Amino acid sequence: DYKGQKLAEQIFQGIILVSAVIGFIYGYITEQFGWTVYIVMAGCALSCLLTLPPWPMYRRNPLKWLPVQESGTEEKKAADRKPKRHSKS
């Protein structure tokens, strides 16, 4: 559903943003760029774990599809089809 997609996107972006800020601050304090990368990668892994599987919290508002409509007979369908003709340029 669309509300579930929006929630997943917000969670994903929030975790990535928070992990990037924390990683930058921690990497700046320790003067180690590697820690910044590790923290951002951990945030990315966590956000993927929380948003990629179809968790029930993302399926609370299912879409209502239209019912299948029966059309006419097969003969009518065949009669409606017209052969395609290609024009030569």
N, C-alpha and C. Protein backbone atom coordinates (compact mmCIF):
# COMPACT_ATOMS: atom_id res chain seq x y z
N ASP A 1 0.83 -1.18 0.00
CA ASP A 1 0.00 0.00 0.00
C ASP A 1 0.88 1.25 0.00
N TYR A 2 0.28 2.34 -0.37
CA TYR A 2 1.05 3.58 -0.52
C TYR A 2 1.49 4.16 0.82
N LYS A 3 0.66 4.02 1.85
CA LYS A 3 1.03 4.53 3.17
C LYS A 3 2.19 3.72 3.74
N GLY A 4 2.19 2.43 3.50
CA GLY A 4 3.30 1.59 3.93
C GLY A 4 4.59 1.93 3.21
N GLN A 5 4.50 2.23 1.92
CA GLN A 5 5.68 2.64 1.16
C GLN A 5 6.23 3.95 1.69
N LYS A 6 5.34 4.87 2.03
CA LYS A 6 5.78 6.16 2.56
C LYS A 6 6.46 5.97 3.91
N LEU A 7 5.88 5.11 4.77
CA LEU A 7 6.48 4.83 6.08
C LEU A 7 7.85 4.18 5.92
N ALA A 8 7.98 3.22 5.01
CA ALA A 8 9.26 2.56 4.78
C ALA A 8 10.30 3.57 4.29
N GLU A 9 9.91 4.45 3.41
CA GLU A 9 10.83 5.46 2.89
C GLU A 9 11.28 6.42 3.99
N GLN A 10 10.35 6.82 4.87
CA GLN A 10 10.70 7.72 5.96
C GLN A 10 11.65 7.05 6.96
N ILE A 11 11.38 5.78 7.26
CA ILE A 11 12.25 5.05 8.18
C ILE A 11 13.64 4.90 7.56
N PHE A 12 13.69 4.53 6.29
CA PHE A 12 14.97 4.35 5.59
C PHE A 12 15.79 5.64 5.61
N GLN A 13 15.17 6.74 5.21
CA GLN A 13 15.89 8.01 5.17
C GLN A 13 16.30 8.48 6.56
N GLY A 14 15.45 8.27 7.55
CA GLY A 14 15.77 8.68 8.91
C GLY A 14 16.96 7.94 9.47
N ILE A 15 16.99 6.62 9.27
CA ILE A 15 18.11 5.84 9.79
C ILE A 15 19.40 6.20 9.07
N ILE A 16 19.35 6.39 7.77
CA ILE A 16 20.55 6.77 7.02
C ILE A 16 21.05 8.14 7.49
N LEU A 17 20.16 9.08 7.67
CA LEU A 17 20.56 10.42 8.11
C LEU A 17 21.17 10.39 9.50
N VAL A 18 20.51 9.70 10.43
CA VAL A 18 21.02 9.64 11.81
C VAL A 18 22.37 8.93 11.85
N SER A 19 22.50 7.83 11.12
CA SER A 19 23.78 7.12 11.14
C SER A 19 24.88 7.95 10.49
N ALA A 20 24.55 8.73 9.46
CA ALA A 20 25.56 9.59 8.83
C ALA A 20 26.03 10.68 9.78
N VAL A 21 25.11 11.28 10.51
CA VAL A 21 25.47 12.33 11.46
C VAL A 21 26.31 11.75 12.60
N ILE A 22 25.85 10.62 13.15
CA ILE A 22 26.60 9.99 14.24
C ILE A 22 27.98 9.54 13.75
N GLY A 23 28.03 8.94 12.57
CA GLY A 23 29.30 8.50 12.02
C GLY A 23 30.25 9.65 11.78
N PHE A 24 29.73 10.76 11.26
CA PHE A 24 30.59 11.92 11.01
C PHE A 24 31.14 12.47 12.32
N ILE A 25 30.28 12.62 13.31
CA ILE A 25 30.72 13.18 14.59
C ILE A 25 31.74 12.25 15.25
N TYR A 26 31.46 10.96 15.30
CA TYR A 26 32.37 10.01 15.93
C TYR A 26 33.69 9.94 15.16
N GLY A 27 33.62 9.91 13.84
CA GLY A 27 34.83 9.89 13.04
C GLY A 27 35.66 11.16 13.21
N TYR A 28 34.99 12.29 13.37
CA TYR A 28 35.69 13.56 13.58
C TYR A 28 36.40 13.58 14.93
N ILE A 29 35.69 13.09 15.96
CA ILE A 29 36.27 13.09 17.30
C ILE A 29 37.47 12.15 17.37
N THR A 30 37.33 10.94 16.80
CA THR A 30 38.42 9.96 16.87
C THR A 30 39.45 10.15 15.75
N GLU A 31 39.16 11.04 14.83
CA GLU A 31 40.02 11.31 13.68
C GLU A 31 40.29 10.05 12.86
N GLN A 32 39.25 9.24 12.72
CA GLN A 32 39.33 8.01 11.95
C GLN A 32 38.16 7.98 10.96
N PHE A 33 38.48 8.14 9.68
CA PHE A 33 37.43 8.12 8.66
C PHE A 33 36.79 6.74 8.53
N GLY A 34 37.56 5.73 8.85
CA GLY A 34 37.04 4.35 8.76
C GLY A 34 35.82 4.13 9.65
N TRP A 35 35.84 4.72 10.86
CA TRP A 35 34.69 4.58 11.75
C TRP A 35 33.45 5.24 11.16
N THR A 36 33.64 6.34 10.48
CA THR A 36 32.51 7.00 9.82
C THR A 36 31.88 6.06 8.79
N VAL A 37 32.72 5.42 8.00
CA VAL A 37 32.23 4.50 6.97
C VAL A 37 31.53 3.31 7.62
N TYR A 38 32.13 2.75 8.67
CA TYR A 38 31.53 1.59 9.34
C TYR A 38 30.16 1.92 9.93
N ILE A 39 30.04 3.07 10.55
CA ILE A 39 28.76 3.45 11.16
C ILE A 39 27.70 3.69 10.10
N VAL A 40 28.06 4.33 9.00
CA VAL A 40 27.11 4.56 7.91
C VAL A 40 26.70 3.24 7.28
N MET A 41 27.66 2.33 7.11
CA MET A 41 27.33 1.01 6.56
C MET A 41 26.42 0.22 7.49
N ALA A 42 26.64 0.32 8.79
CA ALA A 42 25.77 -0.35 9.76
C ALA A 42 24.36 0.25 9.71
N GLY A 43 24.26 1.56 9.56
CA GLY A 43 22.95 2.21 9.42
C GLY A 43 22.24 1.77 8.16
N CYS A 44 23.00 1.62 7.09
CA CYS A 44 22.41 1.15 5.83
C CYS A 44 21.91 -0.28 5.98
N ALA A 45 22.68 -1.14 6.63
CA ALA A 45 22.26 -2.53 6.84
C ALA A 45 21.01 -2.59 7.72
N LEU A 46 20.98 -1.78 8.78
CA LEU A 46 19.82 -1.75 9.66
C LEU A 46 18.58 -1.26 8.93
N SER A 47 18.73 -0.22 8.14
CA SER A 47 17.58 0.32 7.41
C SER A 47 17.08 -0.68 6.36
N CYS A 48 17.99 -1.40 5.73
CA CYS A 48 17.57 -2.43 4.77
C CYS A 48 16.82 -3.55 5.48
N LEU A 49 17.31 -3.94 6.66
CA LEU A 49 16.65 -5.00 7.42
C LEU A 49 15.24 -4.58 7.85
N LEU A 50 15.06 -3.31 8.14
CA LEU A 50 13.75 -2.84 8.61
C LEU A 50 12.78 -2.49 7.49
N THR A 51 13.29 -2.19 6.30
CA THR A 51 12.38 -1.70 5.25
C THR A 51 12.20 -2.63 4.07
N LEU A 52 13.14 -3.51 3.78
CA LEU A 52 13.00 -4.36 2.59
C LEU A 52 12.02 -5.52 2.75
N PRO A 53 12.02 -6.26 3.86
CA PRO A 53 11.02 -7.34 3.98
C PRO A 53 9.61 -6.77 4.11
N PRO A 54 8.62 -7.52 3.66
CA PRO A 54 7.23 -7.03 3.75
C PRO A 54 6.65 -7.21 5.16
N TRP A 55 7.12 -6.41 6.09
CA TRP A 55 6.64 -6.49 7.47
C TRP A 55 5.16 -6.11 7.53
N PRO A 56 4.41 -6.64 8.52
CA PRO A 56 2.98 -6.33 8.63
C PRO A 56 2.68 -4.84 8.84
N MET A 57 3.62 -4.10 9.42
CA MET A 57 3.36 -2.67 9.65
C MET A 57 3.28 -1.90 8.34
N TYR A 58 3.80 -2.46 7.26
CA TYR A 58 3.74 -1.80 5.95
C TYR A 58 2.52 -2.24 5.15
N ARG A 59 1.75 -3.20 5.65
CA ARG A 59 0.60 -3.72 4.90
C ARG A 59 -0.72 -3.50 5.63
N ARG A 60 -0.82 -2.41 6.34
CA ARG A 60 -2.04 -2.14 7.10
C ARG A 60 -3.17 -1.57 6.25
N ASN A 61 -2.86 -0.94 5.14
CA ASN A 61 -3.88 -0.30 4.29
C ASN A 61 -3.81 -0.88 2.88
N PRO A 62 -4.35 -2.09 2.68
CA PRO A 62 -4.24 -2.70 1.34
C PRO A 62 -5.09 -1.95 0.32
N LEU A 63 -4.65 -2.02 -0.92
CA LEU A 63 -5.39 -1.39 -2.00
C LEU A 63 -6.62 -2.22 -2.35
N LYS A 64 -7.69 -1.55 -2.70
CA LYS A 64 -8.91 -2.24 -3.11
C LYS A 64 -8.95 -2.25 -4.63
N TRP A 65 -8.82 -3.44 -5.19
CA TRP A 65 -8.81 -3.58 -6.64
C TRP A 65 -10.24 -3.71 -7.16
N LEU A 66 -10.43 -3.33 -8.40
CA LEU A 66 -11.73 -3.50 -9.03
C LEU A 66 -11.98 -4.98 -9.29
N PRO A 67 -13.24 -5.39 -9.22
CA PRO A 67 -13.52 -6.80 -9.51
C PRO A 67 -13.32 -7.09 -11.00
N VAL A 68 -13.07 -8.35 -11.30
CA VAL A 68 -12.88 -8.77 -12.69
C VAL A 68 -14.22 -8.69 -13.40
N GLN A 69 -14.22 -8.06 -14.57
CA GLN A 69 -15.45 -7.95 -15.35
C GLN A 69 -15.40 -8.94 -16.50
N GLU A 70 -16.46 -9.67 -16.65
CA GLU A 70 -16.55 -10.62 -17.75
C GLU A 70 -16.95 -9.87 -19.01
N SER A 71 -16.17 -10.03 -20.06
CA SER A 71 -16.53 -9.42 -21.32
C SER A 71 -17.30 -10.45 -22.15
N GLY A 72 -17.65 -10.10 -23.36
CA GLY A 72 -18.47 -10.96 -24.22
C GLY A 72 -17.81 -12.28 -24.54
N THR A 73 -18.32 -12.94 -25.54
CA THR A 73 -17.80 -14.24 -25.92
C THR A 73 -16.48 -14.10 -26.66
N GLU A 74 -15.85 -15.23 -26.90
CA GLU A 74 -14.58 -15.24 -27.61
C GLU A 74 -14.76 -14.78 -29.05
N GLU A 75 -15.92 -15.05 -29.64
CA GLU A 75 -16.16 -14.64 -31.03
C GLU A 75 -16.16 -13.12 -31.15
N LYS A 76 -16.75 -12.46 -30.18
CA LYS A 76 -16.79 -11.00 -30.20
C LYS A 76 -15.38 -10.43 -30.08
N LYS A 77 -14.55 -11.05 -29.23
CA LYS A 77 -13.19 -10.58 -29.07
C LYS A 77 -12.41 -10.73 -30.37
N ALA A 78 -12.62 -11.86 -31.04
CA ALA A 78 -11.90 -12.09 -32.29
C ALA A 78 -12.38 -11.13 -33.36
N ALA A 79 -13.65 -10.78 -33.37
CA ALA A 79 -14.18 -9.88 -34.38
C ALA A 79 -13.69 -8.45 -34.15
N ASP A 80 -13.42 -8.08 -32.91
CA ASP A 80 -12.95 -6.73 -32.62
C ASP A 80 -11.51 -6.51 -33.06
N ARG A 81 -10.78 -7.57 -33.18
CA ARG A 81 -9.38 -7.42 -33.57
C ARG A 81 -9.29 -7.16 -35.07
N LYS A 82 -8.44 -6.21 -35.40
CA LYS A 82 -8.21 -5.90 -36.81
C LYS A 82 -6.76 -6.20 -37.14
N PRO A 83 -6.51 -6.72 -38.29
CA PRO A 83 -5.10 -6.99 -38.63
C PRO A 83 -4.35 -5.67 -38.79
N LYS A 84 -3.12 -5.69 -38.36
CA LYS A 84 -2.30 -4.49 -38.46
C LYS A 84 -1.67 -4.42 -39.85
N ARG A 85 -1.72 -3.26 -40.42
CA ARG A 85 -1.10 -3.05 -41.72
C ARG A 85 -0.05 -1.99 -41.57
N HIS A 86 1.08 -2.28 -42.09
CA HIS A 86 2.19 -1.34 -42.02
C HIS A 86 2.24 -0.55 -43.33
N SER A 87 2.36 0.73 -43.19
CA SER A 87 2.45 1.56 -44.40
C SER A 87 3.91 1.69 -44.80
N LYS A 88 4.15 1.70 -46.07
CA LYS A 88 5.50 1.86 -46.55
C LYS A 88 5.79 3.35 -46.77
N SER A 89 6.96 3.76 -46.34
CA SER A 89 7.31 5.17 -46.46
C SER A 89 8.07 5.43 -47.73
